[in-house]
């Protein structure tokens, strides 16, 4: 992936980025979605930014593979609409980015060094992406 991903300034010592891609299908069953009402697929490109001040005993903010497993392992080669994550909301790129953030943060909250998801950038097509940044405080 040769994209530059924008991020905002933060006060943390460490900033980790995990890039990955996954293939998934979805549809948005709402009249305002136009052609996206029909089932279609994307190769999503995702960059997750994780920040923190403390490393774990092995010297990691968090292990890259674990982050990939949480996202790629969950969504790759799936139909997003069939996931419980999207039982209340349609799997738009915005909602998928937020869901990825919540999924990863739930894992990070269990870690002793307490890193934070700073942002999730989710690219749906080569020309369209969403950045989700959770509000803090």
N, C-alpha and C. Protein backbone atom coordinates (compact mmCIF):
# COMPACT_ATOMS: atom_id res chain seq x y z
N UNK A 1 0.84 -1.17 0.00
CA UNK A 1 0.00 0.00 0.00
C UNK A 1 0.89 1.23 0.00
N UNK A 2 0.68 2.06 -0.95
CA UNK A 2 1.50 3.26 -1.07
C UNK A 2 0.68 4.51 -0.86
N UNK A 3 -0.12 4.51 0.17
CA UNK A 3 -0.93 5.67 0.48
C UNK A 3 -0.34 6.40 1.67
N UNK A 4 -0.52 7.71 1.69
CA UNK A 4 -0.20 8.49 2.86
C UNK A 4 -1.49 8.66 3.63
N UNK A 5 -1.46 8.36 4.90
CA UNK A 5 -2.65 8.47 5.72
C UNK A 5 -2.53 9.66 6.67
N UNK A 6 -3.44 10.59 6.56
CA UNK A 6 -3.40 11.74 7.46
C UNK A 6 -3.73 11.33 8.89
N UNK A 7 -3.15 11.99 9.82
CA UNK A 7 -3.46 11.78 11.23
C UNK A 7 -3.39 13.14 11.93
N UNK A 8 -3.90 13.21 13.11
CA UNK A 8 -3.86 14.45 13.87
C UNK A 8 -2.78 14.34 14.94
N UNK A 9 -2.34 15.48 15.41
CA UNK A 9 -1.34 15.52 16.47
C UNK A 9 -1.92 14.91 17.75
N UNK A 10 -1.05 14.32 18.55
CA UNK A 10 -1.47 13.74 19.83
C UNK A 10 -0.30 13.84 20.80
N UNK A 11 -0.57 13.67 22.08
CA UNK A 11 0.49 13.82 23.08
C UNK A 11 1.24 12.53 23.43
N UNK A 12 1.00 11.45 22.71
CA UNK A 12 1.57 10.16 23.08
C UNK A 12 2.96 9.95 22.50
N UNK A 13 3.76 9.12 23.17
CA UNK A 13 5.13 8.86 22.73
C UNK A 13 5.19 7.94 21.52
N UNK A 14 4.27 7.00 21.44
CA UNK A 14 4.31 6.00 20.37
C UNK A 14 3.08 6.13 19.49
N UNK A 15 3.31 5.93 18.19
CA UNK A 15 2.22 5.88 17.21
C UNK A 15 2.48 4.70 16.29
N UNK A 16 1.60 3.75 16.32
CA UNK A 16 1.73 2.52 15.54
C UNK A 16 0.67 2.53 14.45
N UNK A 17 1.06 2.12 13.25
CA UNK A 17 0.10 1.98 12.15
C UNK A 17 0.10 0.53 11.69
N UNK A 18 -1.08 -0.02 11.54
CA UNK A 18 -1.23 -1.35 10.97
C UNK A 18 -2.07 -1.23 9.71
N UNK A 19 -1.44 -1.47 8.57
CA UNK A 19 -2.14 -1.50 7.28
C UNK A 19 -2.55 -2.93 6.98
N UNK A 20 -3.70 -3.07 6.36
CA UNK A 20 -4.14 -4.40 5.93
C UNK A 20 -5.23 -4.22 4.88
N UNK A 21 -5.57 -5.28 4.24
CA UNK A 21 -6.71 -5.26 3.33
C UNK A 21 -7.54 -6.50 3.57
N UNK A 22 -8.81 -6.39 3.23
CA UNK A 22 -9.70 -7.54 3.31
C UNK A 22 -10.78 -7.38 2.25
N UNK A 23 -11.26 -8.51 1.76
CA UNK A 23 -12.30 -8.53 0.74
C UNK A 23 -13.62 -8.85 1.42
N UNK A 24 -14.63 -8.05 1.13
CA UNK A 24 -15.94 -8.28 1.73
C UNK A 24 -17.03 -7.70 0.84
N UNK A 25 -18.20 -8.26 0.97
CA UNK A 25 -19.36 -7.78 0.23
C UNK A 25 -20.32 -7.10 1.20
N UNK A 26 -21.14 -6.21 0.66
CA UNK A 26 -22.19 -5.59 1.45
C UNK A 26 -23.25 -5.01 0.52
N UNK A 27 -24.32 -4.57 1.11
CA UNK A 27 -25.35 -3.82 0.40
C UNK A 27 -25.98 -2.89 1.42
N UNK A 28 -26.51 -1.77 0.92
CA UNK A 28 -27.12 -0.77 1.79
C UNK A 28 -28.61 -0.71 1.41
N UNK A 29 -29.48 -1.41 2.15
CA UNK A 29 -30.89 -1.51 1.77
C UNK A 29 -31.69 -0.26 2.13
N UNK A 30 -31.34 0.83 1.50
CA UNK A 30 -32.03 2.10 1.71
C UNK A 30 -32.15 2.79 0.36
N UNK A 31 -33.30 3.37 0.05
CA UNK A 31 -33.48 4.00 -1.27
C UNK A 31 -32.45 5.09 -1.59
N UNK A 32 -31.92 5.73 -0.58
CA UNK A 32 -30.94 6.80 -0.83
C UNK A 32 -29.57 6.24 -1.25
N UNK A 33 -29.39 4.93 -1.15
CA UNK A 33 -28.09 4.33 -1.47
C UNK A 33 -27.90 4.08 -2.96
N UNK A 34 -28.93 4.32 -3.76
CA UNK A 34 -28.78 4.15 -5.20
C UNK A 34 -28.36 2.75 -5.58
N UNK A 35 -27.35 2.65 -6.43
CA UNK A 35 -26.88 1.35 -6.92
C UNK A 35 -26.30 0.49 -5.80
N UNK A 36 -25.89 1.12 -4.70
CA UNK A 36 -25.31 0.37 -3.57
C UNK A 36 -26.35 -0.43 -2.79
N UNK A 37 -27.63 -0.33 -3.22
CA UNK A 37 -28.66 -1.19 -2.63
C UNK A 37 -28.44 -2.65 -3.02
N UNK A 38 -27.75 -2.85 -4.14
CA UNK A 38 -27.47 -4.21 -4.62
C UNK A 38 -26.20 -4.73 -3.96
N UNK A 39 -26.17 -6.04 -3.75
CA UNK A 39 -24.98 -6.68 -3.20
C UNK A 39 -23.80 -6.42 -4.12
N UNK A 40 -22.68 -6.01 -3.53
CA UNK A 40 -21.44 -5.78 -4.29
C UNK A 40 -20.27 -5.94 -3.33
N UNK A 41 -19.10 -6.05 -3.88
CA UNK A 41 -17.93 -6.29 -3.04
C UNK A 41 -16.86 -5.24 -3.20
N UNK A 42 -15.97 -5.20 -2.23
CA UNK A 42 -14.83 -4.29 -2.23
C UNK A 42 -13.61 -5.02 -1.71
N UNK A 43 -12.46 -4.56 -2.12
CA UNK A 43 -11.24 -4.88 -1.40
C UNK A 43 -10.95 -3.65 -0.56
N UNK A 44 -11.27 -3.75 0.71
CA UNK A 44 -11.08 -2.64 1.64
C UNK A 44 -9.61 -2.57 2.04
N UNK A 45 -9.09 -1.35 2.12
CA UNK A 45 -7.75 -1.11 2.66
C UNK A 45 -7.94 -0.34 3.95
N UNK A 46 -7.30 -0.82 4.98
CA UNK A 46 -7.52 -0.26 6.31
C UNK A 46 -6.17 0.12 6.93
N UNK A 47 -6.11 1.28 7.53
CA UNK A 47 -4.96 1.68 8.34
C UNK A 47 -5.49 2.04 9.71
N UNK A 48 -5.01 1.33 10.72
CA UNK A 48 -5.40 1.59 12.10
C UNK A 48 -4.23 2.26 12.79
N UNK A 49 -4.48 3.40 13.41
CA UNK A 49 -3.46 4.13 14.16
C UNK A 49 -3.71 3.89 15.63
N UNK A 50 -2.70 3.37 16.31
CA UNK A 50 -2.78 3.11 17.75
C UNK A 50 -1.69 3.92 18.43
N UNK A 51 -2.04 4.56 19.55
CA UNK A 51 -1.10 5.41 20.27
C UNK A 51 -1.01 4.98 21.73
N UNK A 52 0.07 5.38 22.37
CA UNK A 52 0.23 5.11 23.80
C UNK A 52 1.58 5.59 24.30
N UNK A 53 1.73 5.56 25.60
CA UNK A 53 2.97 5.98 26.24
C UNK A 53 3.78 4.82 26.79
N UNK A 54 3.15 3.65 26.96
CA UNK A 54 3.82 2.52 27.60
C UNK A 54 3.85 1.31 26.69
N UNK A 55 4.96 0.59 26.75
CA UNK A 55 5.11 -0.65 26.01
C UNK A 55 4.85 -1.82 26.95
N UNK A 56 4.52 -2.98 26.39
CA UNK A 56 4.32 -4.16 27.22
C UNK A 56 5.66 -4.78 27.57
N UNK A 57 5.65 -5.90 28.26
CA UNK A 57 6.89 -6.53 28.73
C UNK A 57 7.79 -6.99 27.59
N UNK A 58 7.20 -7.23 26.40
CA UNK A 58 8.00 -7.65 25.25
C UNK A 58 8.53 -6.44 24.46
N UNK A 59 8.09 -5.25 24.83
CA UNK A 59 8.52 -4.05 24.12
C UNK A 59 7.59 -3.61 23.01
N UNK A 60 6.36 -4.12 23.01
CA UNK A 60 5.36 -3.76 22.01
C UNK A 60 4.36 -2.77 22.59
N UNK A 61 3.89 -1.86 21.75
CA UNK A 61 2.69 -1.11 22.08
C UNK A 61 1.53 -2.10 21.98
N UNK A 62 1.50 -2.83 20.87
CA UNK A 62 0.61 -3.96 20.65
C UNK A 62 1.20 -4.74 19.47
N UNK A 63 1.00 -6.03 19.43
CA UNK A 63 1.53 -6.86 18.36
C UNK A 63 0.73 -6.64 17.07
N UNK A 64 1.44 -6.39 15.97
CA UNK A 64 0.79 -6.15 14.68
C UNK A 64 -0.14 -7.30 14.28
N UNK A 65 0.31 -8.53 14.48
CA UNK A 65 -0.48 -9.68 14.05
C UNK A 65 -1.82 -9.77 14.78
N UNK A 66 -1.83 -9.42 16.04
CA UNK A 66 -3.08 -9.45 16.79
C UNK A 66 -4.09 -8.47 16.21
N UNK A 67 -3.62 -7.29 15.83
CA UNK A 67 -4.52 -6.30 15.24
C UNK A 67 -5.07 -6.83 13.91
N UNK A 68 -4.20 -7.42 13.10
CA UNK A 68 -4.67 -7.98 11.84
C UNK A 68 -5.70 -9.08 12.07
N UNK A 69 -5.43 -9.96 13.03
CA UNK A 69 -6.37 -11.05 13.31
C UNK A 69 -7.74 -10.52 13.73
N UNK A 70 -7.76 -9.44 14.50
CA UNK A 70 -9.02 -8.88 14.97
C UNK A 70 -9.89 -8.34 13.83
N UNK A 71 -9.25 -7.82 12.80
CA UNK A 71 -10.00 -7.20 11.70
C UNK A 71 -10.10 -8.14 10.50
N UNK A 72 -8.97 -8.51 9.96
CA UNK A 72 -8.94 -9.39 8.78
C UNK A 72 -9.63 -10.72 9.10
N UNK A 73 -9.30 -11.28 10.24
CA UNK A 73 -9.88 -12.56 10.63
C UNK A 73 -11.39 -12.51 10.78
N UNK A 74 -11.90 -11.34 11.09
CA UNK A 74 -13.34 -11.19 11.31
C UNK A 74 -14.11 -10.90 10.02
N UNK A 75 -13.55 -10.05 9.15
CA UNK A 75 -14.32 -9.55 8.01
C UNK A 75 -13.91 -10.10 6.65
N UNK A 76 -12.71 -10.65 6.50
CA UNK A 76 -12.25 -11.06 5.18
C UNK A 76 -13.15 -12.16 4.60
N UNK A 77 -13.50 -12.01 3.35
CA UNK A 77 -14.34 -12.95 2.60
C UNK A 77 -15.67 -13.21 3.32
N UNK A 78 -16.30 -12.13 3.71
CA UNK A 78 -17.61 -12.25 4.37
C UNK A 78 -18.60 -11.29 3.72
N UNK A 79 -19.84 -11.47 4.08
CA UNK A 79 -20.90 -10.53 3.72
C UNK A 79 -21.15 -9.70 4.98
N UNK A 80 -20.81 -8.44 4.92
CA UNK A 80 -20.90 -7.57 6.10
C UNK A 80 -22.30 -7.58 6.72
N UNK A 81 -23.32 -7.57 5.89
CA UNK A 81 -24.69 -7.51 6.39
C UNK A 81 -25.04 -8.71 7.26
N UNK A 82 -24.29 -9.81 7.15
CA UNK A 82 -24.57 -11.00 7.94
C UNK A 82 -23.92 -10.97 9.32
N UNK A 83 -23.07 -9.98 9.59
CA UNK A 83 -22.40 -9.86 10.89
C UNK A 83 -23.35 -9.24 11.91
N UNK A 84 -23.33 -9.74 13.12
CA UNK A 84 -24.13 -9.16 14.20
C UNK A 84 -23.76 -7.69 14.43
N UNK A 85 -22.53 -7.32 14.12
CA UNK A 85 -22.10 -5.93 14.28
C UNK A 85 -23.00 -4.96 13.53
N UNK A 86 -23.63 -5.44 12.47
CA UNK A 86 -24.42 -4.57 11.61
C UNK A 86 -25.90 -4.93 11.64
N UNK A 87 -26.35 -5.51 12.75
CA UNK A 87 -27.76 -5.86 12.85
C UNK A 87 -28.64 -4.64 13.09
N UNK A 88 -28.07 -3.57 13.63
CA UNK A 88 -28.84 -2.36 13.92
C UNK A 88 -28.57 -1.22 12.94
N UNK A 89 -27.45 -1.31 12.22
CA UNK A 89 -27.07 -0.25 11.27
C UNK A 89 -26.53 -0.89 10.00
N UNK A 90 -26.70 -0.20 8.89
CA UNK A 90 -26.19 -0.70 7.62
C UNK A 90 -24.67 -0.61 7.60
N UNK A 91 -24.00 -1.55 6.94
CA UNK A 91 -22.54 -1.55 6.91
C UNK A 91 -21.96 -0.58 5.87
N UNK A 92 -22.23 0.70 6.08
CA UNK A 92 -21.59 1.73 5.25
C UNK A 92 -20.12 1.78 5.63
N UNK A 93 -19.32 2.41 4.83
CA UNK A 93 -17.89 2.52 5.14
C UNK A 93 -17.69 3.23 6.47
N UNK A 94 -18.50 4.25 6.75
CA UNK A 94 -18.41 4.97 8.01
C UNK A 94 -18.67 4.04 9.20
N UNK A 95 -19.72 3.25 9.09
CA UNK A 95 -20.10 2.35 10.18
C UNK A 95 -19.08 1.22 10.33
N UNK A 96 -18.56 0.71 9.22
CA UNK A 96 -17.54 -0.35 9.30
C UNK A 96 -16.28 0.20 9.97
N UNK A 97 -15.86 1.41 9.63
CA UNK A 97 -14.68 2.02 10.27
C UNK A 97 -14.89 2.16 11.77
N UNK A 98 -16.06 2.62 12.17
CA UNK A 98 -16.37 2.76 13.60
C UNK A 98 -16.36 1.40 14.30
N UNK A 99 -16.91 0.39 13.64
CA UNK A 99 -16.96 -0.96 14.20
C UNK A 99 -15.55 -1.53 14.36
N UNK A 100 -14.69 -1.30 13.39
CA UNK A 100 -13.30 -1.74 13.50
C UNK A 100 -12.65 -1.07 14.70
N UNK A 101 -12.86 0.22 14.85
CA UNK A 101 -12.30 0.96 15.98
C UNK A 101 -12.77 0.35 17.31
N UNK A 102 -14.05 0.13 17.44
CA UNK A 102 -14.61 -0.42 18.68
C UNK A 102 -14.09 -1.82 18.96
N UNK A 103 -13.94 -2.63 17.92
CA UNK A 103 -13.44 -4.00 18.07
C UNK A 103 -12.00 -4.00 18.58
N UNK A 104 -11.17 -3.21 17.94
CA UNK A 104 -9.76 -3.15 18.35
C UNK A 104 -9.62 -2.53 19.73
N UNK A 105 -10.38 -1.44 19.99
CA UNK A 105 -10.27 -0.79 21.30
C UNK A 105 -10.71 -1.72 22.43
N UNK A 106 -11.72 -2.54 22.20
CA UNK A 106 -12.16 -3.50 23.22
C UNK A 106 -11.02 -4.44 23.59
N UNK A 107 -10.23 -4.86 22.60
CA UNK A 107 -9.06 -5.69 22.89
C UNK A 107 -8.01 -4.89 23.65
N UNK A 108 -7.72 -3.67 23.18
CA UNK A 108 -6.68 -2.85 23.80
C UNK A 108 -7.01 -2.51 25.25
N UNK A 109 -8.29 -2.35 25.56
CA UNK A 109 -8.71 -2.02 26.93
C UNK A 109 -8.33 -3.12 27.92
N UNK A 110 -8.12 -4.33 27.43
CA UNK A 110 -7.74 -5.46 28.30
C UNK A 110 -6.24 -5.51 28.56
N UNK A 111 -5.48 -4.73 27.82
CA UNK A 111 -4.02 -4.77 27.94
C UNK A 111 -3.55 -3.88 29.09
N UNK A 112 -2.51 -4.32 29.74
CA UNK A 112 -1.99 -3.58 30.89
C UNK A 112 -1.46 -2.19 30.51
N UNK A 113 -0.89 -2.05 29.32
CA UNK A 113 -0.31 -0.76 28.92
C UNK A 113 -1.34 0.21 28.33
N UNK A 114 -2.58 -0.23 28.14
CA UNK A 114 -3.73 0.60 27.75
C UNK A 114 -3.50 1.51 26.54
N UNK A 115 -3.07 0.98 25.39
CA UNK A 115 -2.99 1.82 24.20
C UNK A 115 -4.39 2.21 23.72
N UNK A 116 -4.45 3.19 22.83
CA UNK A 116 -5.71 3.70 22.32
C UNK A 116 -5.74 3.66 20.80
N UNK A 117 -6.90 3.37 20.23
CA UNK A 117 -7.08 3.54 18.79
C UNK A 117 -7.26 5.04 18.58
N UNK A 118 -6.35 5.63 17.82
CA UNK A 118 -6.42 7.06 17.53
C UNK A 118 -7.31 7.33 16.33
N UNK A 119 -7.17 6.49 15.30
CA UNK A 119 -8.05 6.63 14.15
C UNK A 119 -8.05 5.34 13.34
N UNK A 120 -9.11 5.19 12.56
CA UNK A 120 -9.22 4.10 11.59
C UNK A 120 -9.50 4.76 10.24
N UNK A 121 -8.64 4.51 9.29
CA UNK A 121 -8.87 4.95 7.92
C UNK A 121 -9.27 3.73 7.12
N UNK A 122 -10.42 3.79 6.48
CA UNK A 122 -10.94 2.66 5.72
C UNK A 122 -11.20 3.12 4.30
N UNK A 123 -10.44 2.54 3.37
CA UNK A 123 -10.56 2.87 1.95
C UNK A 123 -11.43 1.81 1.29
N UNK A 124 -12.54 2.27 0.69
CA UNK A 124 -13.47 1.35 0.03
C UNK A 124 -13.11 1.16 -1.44
N UNK A 125 -12.65 2.23 -2.07
CA UNK A 125 -12.22 2.20 -3.47
C UNK A 125 -10.94 3.01 -3.57
N UNK A 126 -10.27 2.98 -4.71
CA UNK A 126 -9.05 3.79 -4.84
C UNK A 126 -9.28 5.29 -4.64
N UNK A 127 -10.52 5.74 -4.78
CA UNK A 127 -10.78 7.18 -4.68
C UNK A 127 -11.69 7.57 -3.52
N UNK A 128 -12.08 6.62 -2.69
CA UNK A 128 -13.03 6.92 -1.61
C UNK A 128 -12.61 6.26 -0.31
N UNK A 129 -12.50 7.09 0.73
CA UNK A 129 -12.18 6.53 2.04
C UNK A 129 -12.83 7.36 3.15
N UNK A 130 -12.87 6.75 4.32
CA UNK A 130 -13.43 7.38 5.52
C UNK A 130 -12.36 7.32 6.60
N UNK A 131 -12.28 8.37 7.40
CA UNK A 131 -11.46 8.36 8.61
C UNK A 131 -12.41 8.45 9.79
N UNK A 132 -12.28 7.52 10.72
CA UNK A 132 -13.06 7.55 11.95
C UNK A 132 -12.10 7.82 13.10
N UNK A 133 -12.40 8.87 13.86
CA UNK A 133 -11.62 9.21 15.05
C UNK A 133 -12.59 9.26 16.23
N UNK A 134 -12.41 8.36 17.20
CA UNK A 134 -13.32 8.39 18.35
C UNK A 134 -13.12 9.66 19.18
N UNK A 135 -14.21 10.19 19.69
CA UNK A 135 -14.12 11.35 20.57
C UNK A 135 -13.62 10.89 21.94
N UNK A 136 -12.79 11.66 22.53
CA UNK A 136 -12.22 11.34 23.84
C UNK A 136 -12.68 12.39 24.86
N UNK A 137 -12.83 11.93 26.11
CA UNK A 137 -13.10 12.87 27.19
C UNK A 137 -14.40 13.42 27.23
